Amino acid sequence: MQTPERSHSVRLAAHDDLAGFKAAVRRLVAQQLPPAAVQWQMAGDGDLFDDAPPPEPAAAPAAPFRLPAEMVALLDHAALHADPGRFALLYRLVWRLLAEPGLRDDPLDADRLLAERMARAVRRDMHKMTAFVRFRPLPGARHMAWFEPEHHTLVATAPFFARRFAQMHWAILTPGRSAHWDGQALAFGPGARREDAPGPDAGEQLWLTYYAHIFNPARLKPAMMQKEMPRRYWKNLPEAQLISPLMHAAAQRSGRMVEDGASDPQHRRPAASIALRLDQRPLETAAPGTLAALRLATAACRACPIGQHATQAVHGEGRPGAALMLVGEQPGDQEDLRGQPFVGPAGQLLERALQQLGWPRDALYLTNAVKHFKYELRGKRRLHKTAGQKEAAACSQWLEHEIGLVRPRAAIALGATAARSLLGHAVAVGEARGRWLRRADGLPVLVTLHPAALLRMDTPDPGAAFAGWLADLRQATPIMATDEDPADRLPQHDRRHGATGPGGLARRAI
């Protein structure tokens, strides 16, 4: 077998010239040049191939061809590996994929295994760059970082930093390439030296202090830590100077933590919240079988953990005999502090809807399926957290008592939690909104969105979303003026199945 002449040379512009590599592969395949007849070079590396002929003049772009999507992704990553023989390997793999279609289903092929190992190494290197780049400030509100990737991954990883630090002007220097972001566009330049990057600044000491304080000696796993933060990166990480001392002192610190014992958790609340809780502890009594008595009983409920941390129980508001009962999910931050339902941002949107519908608030009964505010602390802020099914079930007795005492002609379920609590089963609000359903006791229930869902809704036309919500609510307007059951005019079929659309027509998906 004769050795093919080294007459076909491909010179790429850079080690990460992925576009040039793909264009060359298309051209070589179109010319039917086998892998053994092709040499791959980098610009500036001609001294390694002094006996090679000059590269062929540029030809017209060749037509693309199709490969399995997973193989294209494999090529994109493996081509950035530092192995100088990667381009020859990948072109050979492409050539074989076109000639041997069964290769795509052979996970044990030697060429494919090697390419996959290269791709994994490149993806890991990209991940480490996103984790271990440390920017330092420069005059003029600019920032610069030095990083030494193991492979040619800067160009592929730089868009992550452009998205993550879009408002900051920055540069990342590496030995092979540099990336620059001016707030508008990415630009790439030649490599740099470690000396070109700035040294430590005054703010870096704050980071080191923070890092030392969050180090938990009881959770120290040196092998796992070095797997995720290999030692080769330590020389460019400011916090690396602390790692060895913290590791050596971990055993002593863990011992002191055990000797000190556990501390009782503190549930922090705003000062106003604490004052309200102290001032509003019910000392009065109320006649049994009244809403006032139910309010006192609800305030003392600790059937689920929410009641231990909320400021107070938020009971319903309204009068017995109200035509409509509006049921939400749970009180929010403002409702928890003031002890009234629907007084926060969602309540303000509901108030706007009531005004447009012409429904007097004092003719309604407003309440929630869950009576305490469930939240998650973020600094000094209390962020709403959806109550679980067990917590809603623990509160269901209070809602049922309210329904029995108020005796509304109909109820409106604002959101999925309210619908489940009223109807006793899960309801897909997106499908059931605007429809009348019937409880086992015969109470009609209109299902629609919670006003908070409108506030969170990502839509280009909030006005149309609000108008659609009003259309749902408007179906209950006749209940406010008459004693008519909203299902009296419905066909018998729809009564039996308990779901109708506007005008008594059943809705169906088409």
Protein backbone atom coordinates (compact mmCIF):
# COMPACT_ATOMS: atom_id res chain seq x y z
CA MET A 1 0.00 0.00 0.00
CA GLN A 2 1.48 3.33 -1.04
CA THR A 3 1.63 6.20 1.37
CA PRO A 4 -0.38 9.11 0.00
CA GLU A 5 1.56 12.19 -0.93
CA ARG A 6 1.31 15.07 1.49
CA SER A 7 -0.10 17.37 -1.18
CA HIS A 8 -3.22 18.68 0.53
CA SER A 9 -2.59 21.09 3.38
CA VAL A 10 -5.23 22.94 5.38
CA ARG A 11 -4.08 25.94 7.37
CA LEU A 12 -6.52 27.23 10.00
CA ALA A 13 -6.44 30.81 11.26
CA ALA A 14 -6.23 29.86 14.95
CA HIS A 15 -6.38 26.92 17.33
CA ASP A 16 -10.08 27.66 17.97
CA ASP A 17 -10.98 28.41 14.33
CA LEU A 18 -14.10 26.26 14.41
CA ALA A 19 -15.75 27.99 11.44
CA GLY A 20 -12.59 27.52 9.35
CA PHE A 21 -12.41 23.86 10.30
CA LYS A 22 -16.03 23.22 9.28
CA ALA A 23 -15.56 25.05 5.97
CA ALA A 24 -12.43 23.01 5.28
CA VAL A 25 -14.25 19.76 6.07
CA ARG A 26 -17.03 20.62 3.63
CA ARG A 27 -14.49 21.43 0.93
CA LEU A 28 -12.44 18.29 1.53
CA VAL A 29 -15.52 16.06 1.47
CA ALA A 30 -16.70 17.70 -1.75
CA GLN A 31 -13.27 16.99 -3.30
CA GLN A 32 -13.38 13.40 -2.00
CA LEU A 33 -10.02 13.75 -0.27
CA PRO A 34 -9.44 10.90 2.23
CA PRO A 35 -8.15 11.74 5.72
CA ALA A 36 -4.73 10.23 5.02
CA ALA A 37 -4.17 12.77 2.24
CA VAL A 38 -4.79 15.85 4.39
CA GLN A 39 -2.45 17.75 6.70
CA TRP A 40 -3.76 20.20 9.26
CA GLN A 41 -1.74 23.29 10.24
CA MET A 42 -2.24 26.45 12.28
CA ALA A 43 -1.31 29.92 11.14
CA GLY A 44 2.18 30.64 12.45
CA ASP A 45 3.11 26.97 12.74
CA GLY A 46 4.62 26.64 9.27
CA ASP A 47 8.05 25.90 10.68
CA LEU A 48 6.74 22.49 11.68
CA PHE A 49 6.00 21.61 8.07
CA ASP A 50 8.81 23.22 6.12
CA ASP A 51 8.65 20.49 3.47
CA ALA A 52 4.89 20.84 2.96
CA PRO A 53 3.60 22.57 -0.16
CA PRO A 54 1.87 25.93 0.22
CA PRO A 55 -1.87 25.71 0.91
CA GLU A 56 -4.20 25.64 -2.03
CA PRO A 57 -5.90 28.93 -3.05
CA ALA A 58 -9.29 29.54 -1.50
CA ALA A 59 -12.10 27.93 -3.43
CA ALA A 60 -15.83 28.62 -3.52
CA PRO A 61 -17.66 27.44 -0.40
CA ALA A 62 -18.73 23.83 -0.63
CA ALA A 63 -22.31 22.75 -0.08
CA PRO A 64 -23.07 21.62 3.47
CA PHE A 65 -24.01 18.04 4.29
CA ARG A 66 -25.95 16.54 7.19
CA LEU A 67 -24.65 14.69 10.23
CA PRO A 68 -26.54 13.53 13.34
CA ALA A 69 -27.10 16.44 15.71
CA GLU A 70 -25.20 14.76 18.55
CA MET A 71 -22.19 14.29 16.27
CA VAL A 72 -22.19 17.98 15.29
CA ALA A 73 -22.19 18.94 18.98
CA LEU A 74 -19.36 16.45 19.54
CA LEU A 75 -17.28 18.09 16.77
CA ASP A 76 -17.97 21.59 18.11
CA HIS A 77 -16.48 20.76 21.50
CA ALA A 78 -13.74 18.30 20.57
CA ALA A 79 -12.31 20.76 18.00
CA LEU A 80 -11.38 23.07 20.91
CA HIS A 81 -9.21 20.45 22.61
CA ALA A 82 -5.51 21.15 23.04
CA ASP A 83 -4.43 17.90 21.36
CA PRO A 84 -2.62 18.86 18.10
CA GLY A 85 -4.03 15.80 16.35
CA ARG A 86 -7.68 16.62 17.04
CA PHE A 87 -8.49 18.00 13.56
CA ALA A 88 -7.12 14.92 11.81
CA LEU A 89 -9.13 12.72 14.19
CA LEU A 90 -12.35 14.66 13.69
CA TYR A 91 -12.05 14.77 9.90
CA ARG A 92 -11.43 11.03 9.91
CA LEU A 93 -14.54 10.57 12.04
CA VAL A 94 -16.63 12.69 9.64
CA TRP A 95 -15.28 10.77 6.66
CA ARG A 96 -16.16 7.47 8.28
CA LEU A 97 -19.64 8.64 9.33
CA LEU A 98 -20.45 9.47 5.73
CA ALA A 99 -19.06 6.17 4.46
CA GLU A 100 -20.27 4.00 7.36
CA PRO A 101 -23.74 5.11 8.55
CA GLY A 102 -23.73 2.38 11.18
CA LEU A 103 -20.87 4.15 12.98
CA ARG A 104 -23.31 6.56 14.64
CA ASP A 105 -24.75 3.60 16.56
CA ASP A 106 -21.38 2.19 17.63
CA PRO A 107 -20.49 3.72 21.01
CA LEU A 108 -17.33 1.58 21.30
CA ASP A 109 -15.59 2.81 18.16
CA ALA A 110 -12.04 3.95 19.02
CA ASP A 111 -12.22 7.24 17.08
CA ARG A 112 -15.58 8.12 18.56
CA LEU A 113 -14.49 7.27 22.11
CA LEU A 114 -11.42 9.48 21.77
CA ALA A 115 -13.48 12.37 20.37
CA GLU A 116 -16.00 12.05 23.20
CA ARG A 117 -13.22 12.15 25.81
CA MET A 118 -11.91 15.32 24.17
CA ALA A 119 -15.40 16.88 24.13
CA ARG A 120 -15.94 16.07 27.82
CA ALA A 121 -12.61 17.63 28.73
CA VAL A 122 -13.50 20.79 26.80
CA ARG A 123 -16.93 21.09 28.41
CA ARG A 124 -15.34 20.68 31.83
CA ASP A 125 -12.78 23.35 31.00
CA MET A 126 -15.56 25.74 29.94
CA HIS A 127 -17.38 25.07 33.21
CA LYS A 128 -14.25 25.72 35.24
CA MET A 129 -13.73 29.02 33.45
CA THR A 130 -17.21 30.22 34.41
CA ALA A 131 -16.51 29.20 38.02
CA PHE A 132 -12.95 30.39 38.56
CA VAL A 133 -12.55 33.64 36.62
CA ARG A 134 -11.97 36.46 39.13
CA PHE A 135 -12.30 40.04 37.85
CA ARG A 136 -10.29 42.85 39.40
CA PRO A 137 -11.20 46.54 38.98
CA LEU A 138 -9.20 48.98 36.87
CA PRO A 139 -9.43 52.77 36.58
CA GLY A 140 -12.35 53.93 34.47
CA ALA A 141 -14.89 51.40 35.78
CA ARG A 142 -13.22 48.59 33.87
CA HIS A 143 -12.45 45.07 35.10
CA MET A 144 -9.87 42.51 34.06
CA ALA A 145 -9.23 38.85 34.84
CA TRP A 146 -6.41 36.40 34.18
CA PHE A 147 -7.19 32.75 33.47
CA GLU A 148 -5.23 29.79 32.15
CA PRO A 149 -7.58 27.36 30.39
CA GLU A 150 -6.40 23.88 29.64
CA HIS A 151 -7.95 23.97 26.17
CA HIS A 152 -8.90 26.60 23.57
CA THR A 153 -12.18 27.53 25.24
CA LEU A 154 -12.12 31.31 25.69
CA VAL A 155 -14.08 32.22 22.52
CA ALA A 156 -16.73 29.59 23.25
CA THR A 157 -17.12 30.64 26.91
CA ALA A 158 -16.93 34.44 26.57
CA PRO A 159 -20.64 34.85 25.65
CA PHE A 160 -21.51 33.53 29.13
CA PHE A 161 -19.65 36.46 30.72
CA ALA A 162 -21.21 38.91 28.26
CA ARG A 163 -24.64 37.80 29.47
CA ARG A 164 -23.66 37.55 33.12
CA PHE A 165 -21.85 40.92 33.29
CA ALA A 166 -23.68 42.78 30.53
CA GLN A 167 -23.44 46.17 32.27
CA MET A 168 -19.73 45.91 33.04
CA HIS A 169 -16.77 46.62 30.76
CA TRP A 170 -14.36 43.73 31.18
CA ALA A 171 -11.49 41.80 29.65
CA ILE A 172 -10.33 38.21 30.18
CA LEU A 173 -6.68 37.51 29.42
CA THR A 174 -5.34 34.02 28.68
CA PRO A 175 -2.02 32.85 27.24
CA GLY A 176 -3.58 32.07 23.86
CA ARG A 177 -6.37 34.62 23.45
CA SER A 178 -7.99 37.64 25.08
CA ALA A 179 -11.66 38.62 25.16
CA HIS A 180 -13.03 42.15 25.58
CA TRP A 181 -16.58 43.35 26.28
CA ASP A 182 -17.50 47.05 26.01
CA GLY A 183 -21.13 46.68 27.03
CA GLN A 184 -22.25 46.21 23.43
CA ALA A 185 -20.08 43.67 21.60
CA LEU A 186 -17.45 41.02 22.18
CA ALA A 187 -14.02 41.38 20.63
CA PHE A 188 -11.11 38.96 20.68
CA GLY A 189 -7.40 39.66 20.54
CA PRO A 190 -4.05 37.95 20.95
CA GLY A 191 -2.90 36.20 24.11
CA ALA A 192 -1.24 37.95 27.04
CA ARG A 193 1.11 37.36 29.95
CA ARG A 194 0.24 37.01 33.61
CA GLU A 195 2.05 40.28 34.26
CA ASP A 196 -0.45 42.13 32.03
CA ALA A 197 -3.29 41.43 34.49
CA PRO A 198 -3.80 43.67 37.56
CA GLY A 199 -2.71 42.59 41.01
CA PRO A 200 -4.81 42.36 44.19
CA ASP A 201 -6.93 45.38 45.14
CA ALA A 202 -8.30 46.65 48.44
CA GLY A 203 -11.71 45.05 47.89
CA GLU A 204 -10.17 41.61 47.56
CA GLN A 205 -9.60 41.46 51.30
CA LEU A 206 -13.37 41.68 51.80
CA TRP A 207 -13.84 38.63 49.58
CA LEU A 208 -11.21 36.71 51.54
CA THR A 209 -12.89 37.63 54.82
CA TYR A 210 -16.24 36.45 53.48
CA TYR A 211 -14.74 33.21 52.15
CA ALA A 212 -13.11 32.43 55.50
CA HIS A 213 -16.36 32.99 57.37
CA ILE A 214 -18.50 30.78 55.12
CA PHE A 215 -16.02 27.90 55.29
CA ASN A 216 -17.73 25.08 57.18
CA PRO A 217 -15.15 22.67 58.67
CA ALA A 218 -17.83 20.09 59.48
CA ARG A 219 -18.54 19.71 55.76
CA LEU A 220 -14.95 19.50 54.60
CA LYS A 221 -14.35 16.79 51.97
CA PRO A 222 -10.84 17.39 50.58
CA ALA A 223 -11.05 14.80 47.79
CA MET A 224 -14.36 16.15 46.51
CA MET A 225 -13.17 19.75 46.84
CA GLN A 226 -10.04 19.11 44.80
CA LYS A 227 -12.10 17.26 42.20
CA GLU A 228 -14.32 20.31 41.75
CA MET A 229 -11.49 22.83 42.28
CA PRO A 230 -8.34 21.16 40.90
CA ARG A 231 -5.04 22.44 42.28
CA ARG A 232 -3.97 23.68 38.83
CA TYR A 233 -6.45 26.56 39.22
CA TRP A 234 -5.37 27.55 42.73
CA LYS A 235 -2.50 29.78 41.68
CA ASN A 236 -4.94 32.24 40.07
CA LEU A 237 -7.63 32.17 42.76
CA PRO A 238 -7.35 34.81 45.53
CA GLU A 239 -9.05 32.52 48.05
CA ALA A 240 -6.55 29.71 47.40
CA GLN A 241 -4.16 31.22 49.95
CA LEU A 242 -6.76 30.43 52.63
CA ILE A 243 -7.58 26.86 51.62
CA SER A 244 -4.61 25.07 53.18
CA PRO A 245 -4.77 26.91 56.56
CA LEU A 246 -8.54 26.39 56.75
CA MET A 247 -8.18 22.69 55.96
CA HIS A 248 -5.49 22.19 58.60
CA ALA A 249 -7.59 23.95 61.26
CA ALA A 250 -10.82 22.17 60.28
CA ALA A 251 -10.59 19.41 62.90
CA GLN A 252 -10.08 21.87 65.77
CA ARG A 253 -12.91 24.13 64.59
CA SER A 254 -15.27 21.15 64.24
CA GLY A 255 -14.45 20.11 67.81
CA ARG A 256 -15.24 23.57 69.13
CA MET A 257 -18.56 23.58 67.25
CA VAL A 258 -19.54 20.27 68.88
CA GLU A 259 -18.56 21.52 72.34
CA ASP A 260 -20.55 24.75 71.92
CA GLY A 261 -23.76 22.80 71.28
CA ALA A 262 -26.70 23.73 69.10
CA SER A 263 -28.34 27.13 69.18
CA ASP A 264 -32.07 27.75 69.06
CA PRO A 265 -33.23 29.12 65.68
CA GLN A 266 -34.52 32.66 65.69
CA HIS A 267 -37.45 33.57 63.48
CA ARG A 268 -36.92 37.21 62.70
CA ARG A 269 -39.87 39.44 61.97
CA PRO A 270 -40.19 43.16 61.28
CA ALA A 271 -40.72 45.24 64.41
CA ALA A 272 -44.24 46.15 63.25
CA SER A 273 -45.03 42.46 62.89
CA ILE A 274 -43.92 41.70 66.46
CA ALA A 275 -45.90 44.62 67.85
CA LEU A 276 -49.04 43.50 66.05
CA ARG A 277 -48.64 39.96 67.35
CA LEU A 278 -48.34 41.16 70.94
CA ASP A 279 -51.16 43.70 70.69
CA GLN A 280 -53.65 41.45 68.97
CA ARG A 281 -53.54 38.33 71.08
CA PRO A 282 -57.27 37.76 71.59
CA LEU A 283 -58.36 38.15 75.16
CA GLU A 284 -62.06 38.72 74.43
CA THR A 285 -64.71 36.10 74.00
CA ALA A 286 -67.50 35.79 71.44
CA ALA A 287 -70.84 34.10 71.20
CA PRO A 288 -70.54 30.55 69.87
CA GLY A 289 -71.59 29.95 66.30
CA THR A 290 -70.64 33.41 65.05
CA LEU A 291 -67.95 34.72 62.72
CA ALA A 292 -66.36 36.49 65.70
CA ALA A 293 -66.00 33.20 67.55
CA LEU A 294 -64.60 31.58 64.42
CA ARG A 295 -62.05 34.38 64.15
CA LEU A 296 -60.80 33.70 67.67
CA ALA A 297 -60.59 29.96 67.07
CA THR A 298 -58.68 30.48 63.82
CA ALA A 299 -56.18 32.75 65.56
CA ALA A 300 -55.29 29.97 68.01
CA CYS A 301 -54.85 27.31 65.32
CA ARG A 302 -51.45 25.58 65.16
CA ALA A 303 -52.48 22.55 63.12
CA CYS A 304 -49.64 23.25 60.68
CA PRO A 305 -46.25 25.01 61.07
CA ILE A 306 -47.30 28.18 59.25
CA GLY A 307 -49.21 29.51 62.24
CA GLN A 308 -46.08 29.45 64.42
CA HIS A 309 -44.19 31.94 62.22
CA ALA A 310 -46.87 34.25 60.81
CA THR A 311 -47.76 37.48 62.59
CA GLN A 312 -51.40 36.56 62.97
CA ALA A 313 -54.22 34.60 61.38
CA VAL A 314 -56.03 36.54 58.66
CA HIS A 315 -59.71 35.67 58.88
CA GLY A 316 -62.32 36.43 56.24
CA GLU A 317 -63.94 39.84 55.97
CA GLY A 318 -67.60 40.47 55.23
CA ARG A 319 -71.08 39.80 56.61
CA PRO A 320 -73.27 36.74 56.85
CA GLY A 321 -75.61 36.41 53.92
CA ALA A 322 -73.21 37.94 51.40
CA ALA A 323 -74.20 36.96 47.87
CA LEU A 324 -70.68 36.04 46.79
CA MET A 325 -67.71 34.61 48.66
CA LEU A 326 -64.34 35.30 47.01
CA VAL A 327 -61.67 32.82 48.11
CA GLY A 328 -57.97 33.42 47.49
CA GLU A 329 -54.89 31.32 48.27
CA GLN A 330 -53.40 32.80 51.44
CA PRO A 331 -52.63 36.21 52.97
CA GLY A 332 -49.54 38.03 51.76
CA ASP A 333 -47.02 40.18 53.61
CA GLN A 334 -49.29 43.23 53.94
CA GLU A 335 -52.32 41.12 54.87
CA ASP A 336 -50.27 39.36 57.54
CA LEU A 337 -49.24 42.67 59.11
CA ARG A 338 -52.66 44.32 58.95
CA GLY A 339 -54.83 41.28 59.64
CA GLN A 340 -57.15 41.91 56.67
CA PRO A 341 -57.54 39.95 53.42
CA PHE A 342 -56.72 41.45 50.02
CA VAL A 343 -55.02 44.71 51.07
CA GLY A 344 -51.66 44.17 49.31
CA PRO A 345 -50.81 44.59 45.58
CA ALA A 346 -53.10 41.70 44.55
CA GLY A 347 -55.87 43.19 46.69
CA GLN A 348 -55.45 46.56 44.98
CA LEU A 349 -55.90 44.90 41.60
CA LEU A 350 -59.00 43.11 42.91
CA GLU A 351 -60.37 46.43 44.19
CA ARG A 352 -59.92 47.89 40.71
CA ALA A 353 -61.85 44.95 39.24
CA LEU A 354 -64.66 45.33 41.78
CA GLN A 355 -65.06 49.00 40.89
CA GLN A 356 -65.29 48.23 37.17
CA LEU A 357 -67.78 45.42 37.83
CA GLY A 358 -69.86 47.61 40.13
CA TRP A 359 -69.63 45.16 43.02
CA PRO A 360 -69.66 46.88 46.44
CA ARG A 361 -66.97 45.36 48.63
CA ASP A 362 -69.28 45.34 51.63
CA ALA A 363 -71.70 43.09 49.70
CA LEU A 364 -69.01 40.41 49.35
CA TYR A 365 -67.24 38.06 51.72
CA LEU A 366 -63.46 37.96 51.10
CA THR A 367 -61.34 35.19 52.55
CA ASN A 368 -58.49 32.78 51.82
CA ALA A 369 -58.15 29.02 51.73
CA VAL A 370 -55.11 29.25 54.05
CA LYS A 371 -55.33 31.63 57.00
CA HIS A 372 -51.65 32.25 57.78
CA PHE A 373 -48.89 33.79 55.65
CA LYS A 374 -46.29 31.28 54.51
CA TYR A 375 -43.04 32.96 53.54
CA GLU A 376 -39.31 32.56 53.04
CA LEU A 377 -36.89 35.07 54.56
CA ARG A 378 -34.51 36.84 52.13
CA GLY A 379 -32.58 39.27 54.26
CA LYS A 380 -35.27 41.49 55.80
CA ARG A 381 -37.83 40.64 53.11
CA ARG A 382 -40.51 37.99 53.50
CA LEU A 383 -41.16 36.37 50.13
CA HIS A 384 -44.42 34.55 49.49
CA LYS A 385 -44.18 30.76 49.43
CA THR A 386 -47.07 28.62 48.19
CA ALA A 387 -48.75 26.56 50.89
CA GLY A 388 -48.57 22.79 50.47
CA GLN A 389 -51.57 20.47 50.18
CA LYS A 390 -51.24 19.29 53.81
CA GLU A 391 -51.21 22.88 55.03
CA ALA A 392 -54.24 23.78 52.92
CA ALA A 393 -56.02 20.65 54.17
CA ALA A 394 -55.33 21.67 57.79
CA CYS A 395 -57.00 25.03 57.08
CA SER A 396 -59.98 23.55 55.21
CA GLN A 397 -62.04 23.28 58.41
CA TRP A 398 -61.97 27.06 58.86
CA LEU A 399 -63.07 27.65 55.28
CA GLU A 400 -65.92 25.17 55.66
CA HIS A 401 -67.05 26.90 58.87
CA GLU A 402 -67.01 30.23 57.05
CA ILE A 403 -69.15 28.85 54.22
CA GLY A 404 -71.62 27.46 56.77
CA LEU A 405 -71.88 30.77 58.67
CA VAL A 406 -71.93 33.12 55.66
CA ARG A 407 -74.17 30.91 53.46
CA PRO A 408 -73.26 32.62 50.16
CA ARG A 409 -75.27 31.94 47.01
CA ALA A 410 -72.04 31.24 45.08
CA ALA A 411 -68.27 31.31 45.52
CA ILE A 412 -65.42 32.41 43.28
CA ALA A 413 -62.17 30.41 43.47
CA LEU A 414 -59.23 32.71 42.81
CA GLY A 415 -56.45 30.34 41.79
CA ALA A 416 -55.63 26.64 42.06
CA THR A 417 -55.26 26.45 45.87
CA ALA A 418 -58.68 28.04 46.39
CA ALA A 419 -60.27 25.79 43.77
CA ARG A 420 -58.84 22.66 45.40
CA SER A 421 -59.97 23.74 48.87
CA LEU A 422 -63.49 24.59 47.69
CA LEU A 423 -64.07 21.60 45.41
CA GLY A 424 -62.02 18.94 47.18
CA HIS A 425 -59.91 17.97 44.17
CA ALA A 426 -57.23 19.45 41.95
CA VAL A 427 -58.46 21.86 39.26
CA ALA A 428 -56.47 22.99 36.20
CA VAL A 429 -57.24 26.71 36.36
CA GLY A 430 -56.01 27.33 32.82
CA GLU A 431 -58.65 24.94 31.48
CA ALA A 432 -61.45 25.58 33.99
CA ARG A 433 -61.27 29.39 34.27
CA GLY A 434 -64.53 31.11 33.49
CA ARG A 435 -66.55 27.97 34.21
CA TRP A 436 -69.10 27.22 36.93
CA LEU A 437 -68.43 24.05 38.90
CA ARG A 438 -70.56 22.65 41.72
CA ARG A 439 -69.48 21.44 45.14
CA ALA A 440 -70.83 18.27 46.68
CA ASP A 441 -73.11 20.41 48.90
CA GLY A 442 -74.53 22.14 45.81
CA LEU A 443 -72.68 25.47 46.16
CA PRO A 444 -71.76 26.82 42.68
CA VAL A 445 -68.09 27.77 42.30
CA LEU A 446 -66.72 30.00 39.51
CA VAL A 447 -63.04 29.27 38.79
CA THR A 448 -60.65 31.98 37.61
CA LEU A 449 -57.13 33.32 38.16
CA HIS A 450 -55.82 34.83 41.36
CA PRO A 451 -55.07 38.56 40.90
CA ALA A 452 -51.45 37.89 41.89
CA ALA A 453 -51.17 35.68 38.78
CA LEU A 454 -51.99 38.71 36.63
CA LEU A 455 -49.26 40.72 38.37
CA ARG A 456 -46.70 37.99 37.64
CA MET A 457 -47.96 37.23 34.12
CA ASP A 458 -45.35 37.72 31.38
CA THR A 459 -47.53 39.10 28.60
CA PRO A 460 -47.04 41.90 26.03
CA ASP A 461 -50.63 43.07 26.63
CA PRO A 462 -51.48 43.26 30.36
CA GLY A 463 -54.66 45.18 29.53
CA ALA A 464 -56.03 42.27 27.52
CA ALA A 465 -55.17 39.83 30.33
CA PHE A 466 -57.03 42.04 32.83
CA ALA A 467 -60.02 42.32 30.49
CA GLY A 468 -60.14 38.52 30.15
CA TRP A 469 -60.10 38.17 33.92
CA LEU A 470 -62.93 40.69 34.23
CA ALA A 471 -64.93 38.64 31.72
CA ASP A 472 -64.53 35.62 33.98
CA LEU A 473 -65.68 37.53 37.05
CA ARG A 474 -68.56 39.22 35.23
CA GLN A 475 -70.37 35.89 34.95
CA ALA A 476 -71.14 36.23 38.65
CA THR A 477 -72.77 39.66 38.29
CA PRO A 478 -76.33 38.24 38.13
CA ILE A 479 -75.73 36.61 41.54
CA MET A 480 -75.25 40.06 43.07
CA ALA A 481 -78.68 41.25 41.91
CA THR A 482 -80.90 38.16 42.12
CA ASP A 483 -81.36 34.96 44.09
CA GLU A 484 -80.97 32.89 40.96
CA ASP A 485 -78.67 29.87 41.07
CA PRO A 486 -76.04 30.33 38.32
CA ALA A 487 -76.62 26.76 37.17
CA ASP A 488 -80.44 26.99 36.93
CA ARG A 489 -80.35 27.72 33.22
CA LEU A 490 -77.79 25.07 32.34
CA PRO A 491 -78.62 21.95 30.33
CA GLN A 492 -79.07 18.84 32.45
CA HIS A 493 -75.90 17.29 30.97
CA ASP A 494 -73.80 20.21 32.18
CA ARG A 495 -75.36 20.09 35.66
CA ARG A 496 -74.52 16.46 35.97
CA HIS A 497 -70.88 17.00 35.04
CA GLY A 498 -70.63 20.25 36.97
CA ALA A 499 -68.90 22.43 34.35
CA THR A 500 -70.22 25.04 31.96
CA GLY A 501 -69.04 27.95 29.94
CA PRO A 502 -70.55 31.42 29.46
CA GLY A 503 -74.22 31.49 28.49
CA GLY A 504 -74.82 27.92 29.63
CA LEU A 505 -72.79 26.35 26.81
CA ALA A 506 -70.31 23.65 27.72
CA ARG A 507 -66.71 24.39 26.67
CA ARG A 508 -64.76 21.69 24.82
CA ALA A 509 -61.25 21.52 23.48
CA ILE A 510 -61.13 21.28 19.71
